[in-house]
Amino acid sequence: MKRYPAYEFPEYVDWQPDPEVQRAWDARTRAEPTRAGLIGALELPALLDLYRGLVAARLHDIQLKRWVKQGVISKAWLGAGEEAVTIGACAALGAEDVVSPMIRNAGALLARGVDPVACFAAYLGTTDTLTGGRDMHIGDPARGVIPPISHVGDVVPVMAGAALAFKLRKEPRVALVWTGDGSTATGAVHEGLRVAAAAQVPLICVVQDNQVALGTREGFTGDFMAYGAAYGCPVLEVDGNHVLDCYAATAYAAARCRAGAGPVILVARTFRMGGHATHDEREARQLFDAQTYAAWGKRDPIGTYEVWLQTQRGVAVETLAAIEAEVEAELEAAAATALARREASAPDPATVADGVYG
């Protein structure tokens, strides 16, 4: 895809495929037989839909960063570099399933068919969103997206409750929630996992291990794989920069959940290339040395997948460029629409206390 020097991380601006990284990426598609079978069963339209999702998530973030630099908004929470965790997981679920993303997983809204105008309007604080301009943590329950909670870990027990409802109703549905490595230090995460395991509900909890909690390096220093013994459920390690691995692991977990075998924890190893939000990017990038950023930069989820599509599936560069152009036009139009509605959809100050209880 095109690169954007004014808005992207320097490691992505001049991105070129690294032969060793690409060999490892390709090998990952064959490393585990069950996942390899699920990946091999994907036909070209599904593979291109994954690419579309990755590009949409990246361009959504670029538009937000553009607004920050233009002074339209003050800051934005971005998932650039971590898109595969979101897009791969969403692709493995059905329309009847539900997800609850962190704000860094905004690509889930686009992947589930939420109007991109609403995604941009949420940052503008206008009334034409689910929250009426009160919160940028939005979703769309009609499309199976439960709005996230800014206290990240708190949504895990919420989604355990959703999964419990599915089990009690005998519905073959799955609830999936993303949580960060840092948020696993909160009691809510473990309360949710304990309930899910005890009740054997169809919950997939994706621990998005991006190695940073707010501005603290290595948000979790223990062993996530030990959660399996603690809760009596499978824990699968996933390459969080590999969209096909994320897809296959989630598809396996979803099938297991539908079979009534209880929850699954996915530990997605990835890396936060920027700040907690755009306001602290410079300080945040001082947490690691240049070699670390360079190493993870080579594993850009979009670039590596593009190379695989071209070399292993024979997809033409022109095909990928056409998808990118279509997505770019859609998101630019959505951003323009949201911005044009800003004044007309501004919240009425007289409603500031509506829905507030004390």
Foldseek 3Di string as FASTA:
>chain_A
DAADVVQDDPLQNPFDADVVLLVVLVVVCVVDPQLVVVLVPDDPVLLVLLLLLLLLLVLLRSVQSVCCVVVLFVWAAEQFQQQLLQSLLLSLFDQPAAEEEDSNNVSNQVNLPNQLLQLLLLRLQFQPFPVGSPHNQGHDVNRRYDGADNLHLQCLLVQLVVQLVCVVVVHLYAYEYEGEQLSVVDPSNVVSLQSQLVSQGRYEYEHEYQQDDQLRGRSHDDDPCCVCVVRVAEEAEFASLRNSRSNSVSNVSSVCNSVSRTYYYYYHYTHDLAHSMPVCRVVSNVVDDPVVSNVSSSSRSNVSSVVCCCPVVVDDPVVSVVSSVVSSVSNVVSNVVSVVCSVVRHDDVVCVCPPPDD
